[in-house]
Amino acid sequence: MANKKINVILNKKLKNFGEPGNIIEVTKGYARNYLFPNQIAEPITARKLRYLEYLKLMRIQNDNIKKNEAKEIKESLTSIDKLIIKRKVSTNNNIFGSITQKDIIEKIKELTNIQLDKDQIKLTEIKKIGIYIVYLKLLEDLNLEMTLQVIPETI
């Protein structure tokens, strides 16, 4: 009996099969009638394999560069004892407005010249003066906790 399966390279994410760049084994009919016409996958060629290896190496190099940059950022941020933000307060120690990720980003930029994104900062709702913990997510596996102190503007 003839082999009814072939190996193909995915161009798009395919549920239950994998991510783009993965090599999967499927039936010839599924490949010819669905995957190839919809450009979800393509036949394996030597040139395509070399290109995928090149992309894999580039991805690894970029990941290493990002990890090194994130470690440098973490070292710079750990040198800060705590972030201090001054705000106008009412008589019962409530601040006018609240402290947001944007305020944290601006303070870090002011102190270290490091630009972070809003999605890298996790904090609770801050509407009173006091001391809070701010969580920074530099990479998927590289996190940092910083102390934030909100003080009245009059001090």
N, C-alpha and C. Protein backbone atom coordinates (compact mmCIF):
# COMPACT_ATOMS: atom_id res chain seq x y z
N MET A 1 0.84 -1.18 0.00
CA MET A 1 0.00 0.00 0.00
C MET A 1 0.88 1.24 0.00
N ALA A 2 0.51 2.22 -0.78
CA ALA A 2 1.31 3.44 -0.93
C ALA A 2 1.20 4.30 0.33
N ASN A 3 2.26 5.06 0.58
CA ASN A 3 2.27 5.96 1.74
C ASN A 3 1.30 7.11 1.46
N LYS A 4 0.33 7.29 2.33
CA LYS A 4 -0.69 8.32 2.12
C LYS A 4 -0.42 9.57 2.95
N LYS A 5 0.75 9.64 3.58
CA LYS A 5 1.06 10.81 4.41
C LYS A 5 2.28 11.53 3.86
N ILE A 6 2.29 12.86 4.05
CA ILE A 6 3.44 13.66 3.65
C ILE A 6 3.76 14.65 4.77
N ASN A 7 4.98 15.14 4.76
CA ASN A 7 5.40 16.17 5.71
C ASN A 7 5.26 17.53 5.05
N VAL A 8 4.71 18.49 5.80
CA VAL A 8 4.54 19.86 5.30
C VAL A 8 5.02 20.83 6.37
N ILE A 9 5.29 22.06 5.95
CA ILE A 9 5.70 23.13 6.86
C ILE A 9 4.52 24.07 7.03
N LEU A 10 4.17 24.35 8.27
CA LEU A 10 3.05 25.26 8.54
C LEU A 10 3.45 26.71 8.30
N ASN A 11 2.58 27.46 7.63
CA ASN A 11 2.76 28.89 7.45
C ASN A 11 1.95 29.69 8.46
N LYS A 12 0.88 29.08 8.95
CA LYS A 12 -0.01 29.72 9.92
C LYS A 12 -0.26 28.75 11.06
N LYS A 13 -0.73 29.29 12.18
CA LYS A 13 -1.07 28.45 13.32
C LYS A 13 -2.26 27.57 12.94
N LEU A 14 -2.16 26.31 13.26
CA LEU A 14 -3.22 25.35 12.96
C LEU A 14 -3.56 24.60 14.23
N LYS A 15 -4.82 24.70 14.63
CA LYS A 15 -5.26 24.08 15.88
C LYS A 15 -4.94 22.59 15.87
N ASN A 16 -4.41 22.12 16.98
CA ASN A 16 -4.03 20.72 17.21
C ASN A 16 -2.82 20.27 16.39
N PHE A 17 -2.19 21.17 15.63
CA PHE A 17 -1.02 20.79 14.85
C PHE A 17 0.22 21.58 15.23
N GLY A 18 0.07 22.88 15.49
CA GLY A 18 1.25 23.63 15.89
C GLY A 18 1.31 25.04 15.37
N GLU A 19 2.48 25.60 15.51
CA GLU A 19 2.77 27.00 15.18
C GLU A 19 3.41 27.10 13.80
N PRO A 20 3.46 28.32 13.24
CA PRO A 20 4.16 28.51 11.97
C PRO A 20 5.62 28.05 12.07
N GLY A 21 6.08 27.36 11.04
CA GLY A 21 7.45 26.86 11.03
C GLY A 21 7.56 25.42 11.47
N ASN A 22 6.52 24.88 12.09
CA ASN A 22 6.54 23.48 12.51
C ASN A 22 6.39 22.57 11.30
N ILE A 23 7.05 21.43 11.37
CA ILE A 23 6.91 20.41 10.33
C ILE A 23 5.96 19.36 10.87
N ILE A 24 4.89 19.10 10.13
CA ILE A 24 3.89 18.13 10.57
C ILE A 24 3.65 17.09 9.48
N GLU A 25 3.12 15.95 9.89
CA GLU A 25 2.79 14.89 8.95
C GLU A 25 1.27 14.83 8.81
N VAL A 26 0.79 14.97 7.58
CA VAL A 26 -0.64 14.93 7.30
C VAL A 26 -0.90 14.05 6.08
N THR A 27 -2.16 13.71 5.87
CA THR A 27 -2.49 12.93 4.68
C THR A 27 -2.34 13.80 3.43
N LYS A 28 -2.04 13.14 2.32
CA LYS A 28 -1.85 13.87 1.07
C LYS A 28 -3.10 14.64 0.67
N GLY A 29 -4.26 14.04 0.85
CA GLY A 29 -5.50 14.70 0.47
C GLY A 29 -5.77 15.95 1.30
N TYR A 30 -5.51 15.88 2.60
CA TYR A 30 -5.71 17.04 3.49
C TYR A 30 -4.78 18.18 3.07
N ALA A 31 -3.54 17.81 2.74
CA ALA A 31 -2.57 18.83 2.32
C ALA A 31 -2.98 19.45 0.99
N ARG A 32 -3.27 18.60 -0.01
CA ARG A 32 -3.61 19.10 -1.36
C ARG A 32 -4.93 19.87 -1.40
N ASN A 33 -5.92 19.39 -0.65
CA ASN A 33 -7.26 19.97 -0.77
C ASN A 33 -7.56 21.09 0.22
N TYR A 34 -6.81 21.16 1.33
CA TYR A 34 -7.13 22.19 2.33
C TYR A 34 -5.92 23.07 2.68
N LEU A 35 -4.82 22.44 3.09
CA LEU A 35 -3.68 23.22 3.59
C LEU A 35 -3.01 24.05 2.49
N PHE A 36 -2.72 23.45 1.36
CA PHE A 36 -2.03 24.18 0.29
C PHE A 36 -2.90 25.29 -0.32
N PRO A 37 -4.17 25.02 -0.70
CA PRO A 37 -4.98 26.09 -1.30
C PRO A 37 -5.23 27.27 -0.36
N ASN A 38 -5.33 27.00 0.94
CA ASN A 38 -5.57 28.07 1.91
C ASN A 38 -4.27 28.68 2.44
N GLN A 39 -3.14 28.26 1.89
CA GLN A 39 -1.81 28.75 2.26
C GLN A 39 -1.53 28.61 3.75
N ILE A 40 -2.07 27.55 4.34
CA ILE A 40 -1.81 27.25 5.75
C ILE A 40 -0.49 26.50 5.87
N ALA A 41 -0.15 25.73 4.85
CA ALA A 41 1.10 24.96 4.85
C ALA A 41 1.63 24.89 3.42
N GLU A 42 2.87 24.44 3.31
CA GLU A 42 3.48 24.26 1.99
C GLU A 42 4.39 23.05 2.03
N PRO A 43 4.68 22.49 0.87
CA PRO A 43 5.56 21.31 0.84
C PRO A 43 6.96 21.66 1.34
N ILE A 44 7.63 20.67 1.87
CA ILE A 44 8.99 20.87 2.38
C ILE A 44 9.96 20.89 1.21
N THR A 45 10.83 21.91 1.20
CA THR A 45 11.92 21.97 0.23
C THR A 45 13.21 22.22 1.01
N ALA A 46 14.33 21.89 0.40
CA ALA A 46 15.62 22.10 1.06
C ALA A 46 15.83 23.58 1.35
N ARG A 47 15.43 24.42 0.40
CA ARG A 47 15.59 25.87 0.59
C ARG A 47 14.75 26.36 1.77
N LYS A 48 13.53 25.88 1.86
CA LYS A 48 12.64 26.29 2.95
C LYS A 48 13.20 25.82 4.30
N LEU A 49 13.77 24.62 4.34
CA LEU A 49 14.37 24.12 5.59
C LEU A 49 15.55 24.99 6.02
N ARG A 50 16.40 25.38 5.05
CA ARG A 50 17.52 26.26 5.38
C ARG A 50 17.02 27.60 5.91
N TYR A 51 15.97 28.13 5.27
CA TYR A 51 15.39 29.40 5.70
C TYR A 51 14.82 29.28 7.12
N LEU A 52 14.16 28.18 7.43
CA LEU A 52 13.61 27.99 8.77
C LEU A 52 14.72 27.89 9.82
N GLU A 53 15.82 27.22 9.47
CA GLU A 53 16.97 27.15 10.38
C GLU A 53 17.54 28.54 10.63
N TYR A 54 17.64 29.33 9.57
CA TYR A 54 18.13 30.70 9.69
C TYR A 54 17.21 31.51 10.62
N LEU A 55 15.89 31.40 10.40
CA LEU A 55 14.94 32.12 11.27
C LEU A 55 15.05 31.67 12.72
N LYS A 56 15.25 30.39 12.93
CA LYS A 56 15.39 29.85 14.28
C LYS A 56 16.63 30.44 14.97
N LEU A 57 17.74 30.50 14.24
CA LEU A 57 18.97 31.08 14.80
C LEU A 57 18.78 32.57 15.11
N MET A 58 18.13 33.28 14.20
CA MET A 58 17.88 34.71 14.43
C MET A 58 16.98 34.92 15.65
N ARG A 59 15.97 34.07 15.81
CA ARG A 59 15.07 34.17 16.95
C ARG A 59 15.83 33.93 18.26
N ILE A 60 16.72 32.95 18.25
CA ILE A 60 17.53 32.66 19.44
C ILE A 60 18.43 33.84 19.76
N GLN A 61 19.07 34.43 18.74
CA GLN A 61 19.93 35.59 18.97
C GLN A 61 19.13 36.77 19.51
N ASN A 62 17.95 37.02 18.93
CA ASN A 62 17.12 38.12 19.41
C ASN A 62 16.66 37.89 20.84
N ASP A 63 16.33 36.64 21.17
CA ASP A 63 15.93 36.33 22.54
C ASP A 63 17.08 36.59 23.51
N ASN A 64 18.29 36.20 23.12
CA ASN A 64 19.45 36.44 23.98
C ASN A 64 19.71 37.93 24.17
N ILE A 65 19.56 38.70 23.10
CA ILE A 65 19.76 40.15 23.19
C ILE A 65 18.71 40.75 24.13
N LYS A 66 17.46 40.33 23.98
CA LYS A 66 16.39 40.85 24.84
C LYS A 66 16.63 40.48 26.30
N LYS A 67 17.10 39.26 26.55
CA LYS A 67 17.38 38.84 27.93
C LYS A 67 18.49 39.69 28.54
N ASN A 68 19.55 39.94 27.76
CA ASN A 68 20.65 40.76 28.28
C ASN A 68 20.20 42.18 28.55
N GLU A 69 19.39 42.75 27.64
CA GLU A 69 18.88 44.11 27.86
C GLU A 69 17.99 44.16 29.09
N ALA A 70 17.14 43.14 29.26
CA ALA A 70 16.25 43.11 30.41
C ALA A 70 17.03 42.98 31.72
N LYS A 71 18.11 42.20 31.70
CA LYS A 71 18.95 42.08 32.90
C LYS A 71 19.61 43.41 33.24
N GLU A 72 20.07 44.14 32.22
CA GLU A 72 20.66 45.46 32.45
C GLU A 72 19.63 46.42 33.01
N ILE A 73 18.41 46.37 32.47
CA ILE A 73 17.33 47.23 32.98
C ILE A 73 17.03 46.88 34.42
N LYS A 74 16.99 45.59 34.73
CA LYS A 74 16.70 45.16 36.11
C LYS A 74 17.78 45.67 37.06
N GLU A 75 19.04 45.59 36.64
CA GLU A 75 20.13 46.09 37.48
C GLU A 75 19.99 47.59 37.72
N SER A 76 19.64 48.33 36.68
CA SER A 76 19.45 49.78 36.82
C SER A 76 18.29 50.09 37.75
N LEU A 77 17.21 49.33 37.63
CA LEU A 77 16.03 49.60 38.45
C LEU A 77 16.22 49.17 39.90
N THR A 78 17.02 48.13 40.14
CA THR A 78 17.25 47.70 41.52
C THR A 78 18.12 48.71 42.27
N SER A 79 18.81 49.57 41.54
CA SER A 79 19.61 50.60 42.21
C SER A 79 18.71 51.68 42.83
N ILE A 80 17.46 51.74 42.39
CA ILE A 80 16.51 52.71 42.96
C ILE A 80 15.94 52.12 44.24
N ASP A 81 16.11 52.82 45.35
CA ASP A 81 15.59 52.33 46.62
C ASP A 81 14.07 52.27 46.59
N LYS A 82 13.46 53.39 46.24
CA LYS A 82 12.00 53.42 46.08
C LYS A 82 11.61 54.60 45.21
N LEU A 83 10.48 54.47 44.58
CA LEU A 83 9.93 55.55 43.78
C LEU A 83 9.10 56.44 44.70
N ILE A 84 9.29 57.74 44.59
CA ILE A 84 8.51 58.67 45.40
C ILE A 84 7.75 59.58 44.45
N ILE A 85 6.43 59.59 44.60
CA ILE A 85 5.57 60.44 43.78
C ILE A 85 4.80 61.36 44.70
N LYS A 86 4.84 62.65 44.38
CA LYS A 86 4.11 63.65 45.17
C LYS A 86 2.79 63.96 44.49
N ARG A 87 1.74 64.05 45.31
CA ARG A 87 0.41 64.38 44.81
C ARG A 87 -0.30 65.31 45.77
N LYS A 88 -1.21 66.10 45.23
CA LYS A 88 -2.07 66.93 46.07
C LYS A 88 -3.05 66.01 46.78
N VAL A 89 -3.29 66.31 48.07
CA VAL A 89 -4.18 65.45 48.85
C VAL A 89 -5.31 66.27 49.47
N SER A 90 -6.40 65.58 49.77
CA SER A 90 -7.52 66.21 50.47
C SER A 90 -7.27 66.07 51.98
N THR A 91 -8.21 66.52 52.78
CA THR A 91 -8.02 66.50 54.23
C THR A 91 -7.97 65.09 54.80
N ASN A 92 -8.56 64.11 54.15
CA ASN A 92 -8.54 62.74 54.68
C ASN A 92 -7.50 61.85 53.98
N ASN A 93 -6.42 62.44 53.49
CA ASN A 93 -5.28 61.76 52.87
C ASN A 93 -5.60 61.04 51.56
N ASN A 94 -6.71 61.36 50.94
CA ASN A 94 -6.99 60.85 49.60
C ASN A 94 -6.31 61.77 48.60
N ILE A 95 -5.69 61.16 47.58
CA ILE A 95 -5.07 61.99 46.56
C ILE A 95 -6.12 62.35 45.52
N PHE A 96 -5.92 63.46 44.85
CA PHE A 96 -6.82 63.86 43.77
C PHE A 96 -6.44 63.04 42.54
N GLY A 97 -7.37 62.24 42.05
CA GLY A 97 -7.09 61.32 40.95
C GLY A 97 -6.53 60.03 41.51
N SER A 98 -5.68 59.39 40.75
CA SER A 98 -5.04 58.16 41.21
C SER A 98 -3.69 58.02 40.53
N ILE A 99 -2.88 57.12 41.05
CA ILE A 99 -1.57 56.83 40.45
C ILE A 99 -1.79 55.72 39.42
N THR A 100 -1.33 55.94 38.20
CA THR A 100 -1.51 54.98 37.12
C THR A 100 -0.16 54.47 36.62
N GLN A 101 -0.22 53.52 35.69
CA GLN A 101 1.01 53.02 35.08
C GLN A 101 1.78 54.15 34.40
N LYS A 102 1.06 55.09 33.83
CA LYS A 102 1.71 56.22 33.15
C LYS A 102 2.57 57.01 34.13
N ASP A 103 2.07 57.22 35.35
CA ASP A 103 2.85 57.95 36.36
C ASP A 103 4.12 57.19 36.72
N ILE A 104 4.01 55.88 36.84
CA ILE A 104 5.18 55.05 37.17
C ILE A 104 6.19 55.11 36.02
N ILE A 105 5.70 55.01 34.80
CA ILE A 105 6.58 55.06 33.62
C ILE A 105 7.34 56.38 33.59
N GLU A 106 6.63 57.48 33.82
CA GLU A 106 7.27 58.80 33.80
C GLU A 106 8.32 58.92 34.90
N LYS A 107 8.03 58.41 36.09
CA LYS A 107 8.97 58.51 37.21
C LYS A 107 10.22 57.68 36.92
N ILE A 108 10.04 56.47 36.40
CA ILE A 108 11.19 55.62 36.07
C ILE A 108 12.02 56.27 34.96
N LYS A 109 11.35 56.83 33.96
CA LYS A 109 12.04 57.52 32.86
C LYS A 109 12.85 58.71 33.40
N GLU A 110 12.25 59.43 34.34
CA GLU A 110 12.92 60.59 34.94
C GLU A 110 14.17 60.18 35.72
N LEU A 111 14.09 59.05 36.44
CA LEU A 111 15.20 58.63 37.29
C LEU A 111 16.29 57.86 36.54
N THR A 112 15.91 57.04 35.57
CA THR A 112 16.89 56.15 34.94
C THR A 112 16.99 56.28 33.43
N ASN A 113 16.10 57.06 32.82
CA ASN A 113 16.04 57.19 31.37
C ASN A 113 15.69 55.87 30.68
N ILE A 114 14.97 55.00 31.39
CA ILE A 114 14.51 53.73 30.84
C ILE A 114 13.03 53.87 30.53
N GLN A 115 12.65 53.51 29.30
CA GLN A 115 11.25 53.60 28.88
C GLN A 115 10.60 52.23 28.98
N LEU A 116 9.57 52.11 29.81
CA LEU A 116 8.80 50.87 29.94
C LEU A 116 7.44 51.05 29.29
N ASP A 117 6.75 49.95 29.07
CA ASP A 117 5.39 49.97 28.52
C ASP A 117 4.39 49.77 29.64
N LYS A 118 3.14 50.19 29.39
CA LYS A 118 2.09 50.04 30.39
C LYS A 118 1.85 48.59 30.77
N ASP A 119 1.94 47.70 29.79
CA ASP A 119 1.65 46.29 30.08
C ASP A 119 2.75 45.61 30.89
N GLN A 120 3.87 46.29 31.11
CA GLN A 120 4.94 45.74 31.94
C GLN A 120 4.74 46.08 33.41
N ILE A 121 3.78 46.92 33.73
CA ILE A 121 3.61 47.40 35.10
C ILE A 121 2.27 46.92 35.64
N LYS A 122 2.32 46.25 36.80
CA LYS A 122 1.11 45.81 37.48
C LYS A 122 1.06 46.49 38.84
N LEU A 123 -0.04 47.18 39.10
CA LEU A 123 -0.19 47.81 40.39
C LEU A 123 -1.66 47.83 40.78
N THR A 124 -1.89 47.91 42.08
CA THR A 124 -3.25 48.00 42.59
C THR A 124 -3.73 49.43 42.46
N GLU A 125 -5.00 49.65 42.71
CA GLU A 125 -5.55 51.00 42.63
C GLU A 125 -4.96 51.83 43.77
N ILE A 126 -4.37 52.95 43.41
CA ILE A 126 -3.71 53.81 44.40
C ILE A 126 -4.43 55.15 44.44
N LYS A 127 -5.15 55.39 45.55
CA LYS A 127 -5.90 56.63 45.69
C LYS A 127 -5.63 57.33 47.02
N LYS A 128 -4.70 56.79 47.80
CA LYS A 128 -4.34 57.39 49.09
C LYS A 128 -2.83 57.49 49.19
N ILE A 129 -2.38 58.37 50.09
CA ILE A 129 -0.94 58.42 50.33
C ILE A 129 -0.54 57.16 51.08
N GLY A 130 0.70 56.73 50.91
CA GLY A 130 1.17 55.53 51.57
C GLY A 130 2.25 54.84 50.76
N ILE A 131 2.58 53.63 51.18
CA ILE A 131 3.62 52.84 50.53
C ILE A 131 2.95 51.64 49.85
N TYR A 132 3.33 51.41 48.60
CA TYR A 132 2.74 50.35 47.79
C TYR A 132 3.84 49.55 47.10
N ILE A 133 3.49 48.36 46.65
CA ILE A 133 4.41 47.53 45.86
C ILE A 133 3.96 47.58 44.40
N VAL A 134 4.93 47.83 43.52
CA VAL A 134 4.68 47.85 42.08
C VAL A 134 5.43 46.67 41.47
N TYR A 135 4.75 45.90 40.64
CA TYR A 135 5.35 44.73 39.99
C TYR A 135 5.69 45.07 38.55
N LEU A 136 6.94 44.83 38.19
CA LEU A 136 7.40 45.08 36.82
C LEU A 136 7.70 43.74 36.16
N LYS A 137 7.18 43.56 34.97
CA LYS A 137 7.44 42.34 34.20
C LYS A 137 8.32 42.72 33.02
N LEU A 138 9.62 42.48 33.16
CA LEU A 138 10.57 42.86 32.12
C LEU A 138 10.57 41.85 30.97
N LEU A 139 10.52 40.58 31.31
CA LEU A 139 10.38 39.49 30.34
C LEU A 139 9.42 38.47 30.94
N GLU A 140 9.15 37.43 30.19
CA GLU A 140 8.23 36.39 30.67
C GLU A 140 8.70 35.80 32.00
N ASP A 141 10.01 35.62 32.13
CA ASP A 141 10.55 34.99 33.33
C ASP A 141 11.45 35.93 34.15
N LEU A 142 11.37 37.22 33.91
CA LEU A 142 12.20 38.19 34.62
C LEU A 142 11.32 39.30 35.17
N ASN A 143 11.07 39.23 36.48
CA ASN A 143 10.18 40.18 37.14
C ASN A 143 10.92 40.95 38.22
N LEU A 144 10.32 42.05 38.65
CA LEU A 144 10.94 42.90 39.65
C LEU A 144 9.85 43.57 40.47
N GLU A 145 10.07 43.65 41.78
CA GLU A 145 9.16 44.38 42.66
C GLU A 145 9.83 45.68 43.08
N MET A 146 9.08 46.78 43.02
CA MET A 146 9.61 48.07 43.46
C MET A 146 8.68 48.66 44.49
N THR A 147 9.25 49.44 45.39
CA THR A 147 8.45 50.13 46.39
C THR A 147 8.09 51.51 45.86
N LEU A 148 6.83 51.85 46.02
CA LEU A 148 6.33 53.16 45.61
C LEU A 148 5.78 53.86 46.83
N GLN A 149 6.24 55.07 47.06
CA GLN A 149 5.72 55.86 48.17
C GLN A 149 5.02 57.09 47.59
N VAL A 150 3.76 57.25 47.96
CA VAL A 150 2.99 58.41 47.55
C VAL A 150 2.94 59.35 48.75
N ILE A 151 3.43 60.58 48.54
CA ILE A 151 3.48 61.55 49.64
C ILE A 151 2.73 62.82 49.25
N PRO A 152 2.29 63.58 50.25
CA PRO A 152 1.61 64.85 49.95
C PRO A 152 2.57 65.83 49.28
N GLU A 153 2.04 66.65 48.40
CA GLU A 153 2.85 67.60 47.66
C GLU A 153 3.42 68.70 48.56
N THR A 154 2.83 68.95 49.70
CA THR A 154 3.26 70.04 50.57
C THR A 154 4.54 69.73 51.32
N ILE A 155 4.94 68.48 51.40
CA ILE A 155 6.16 68.12 52.14
C ILE A 155 7.39 68.46 51.34
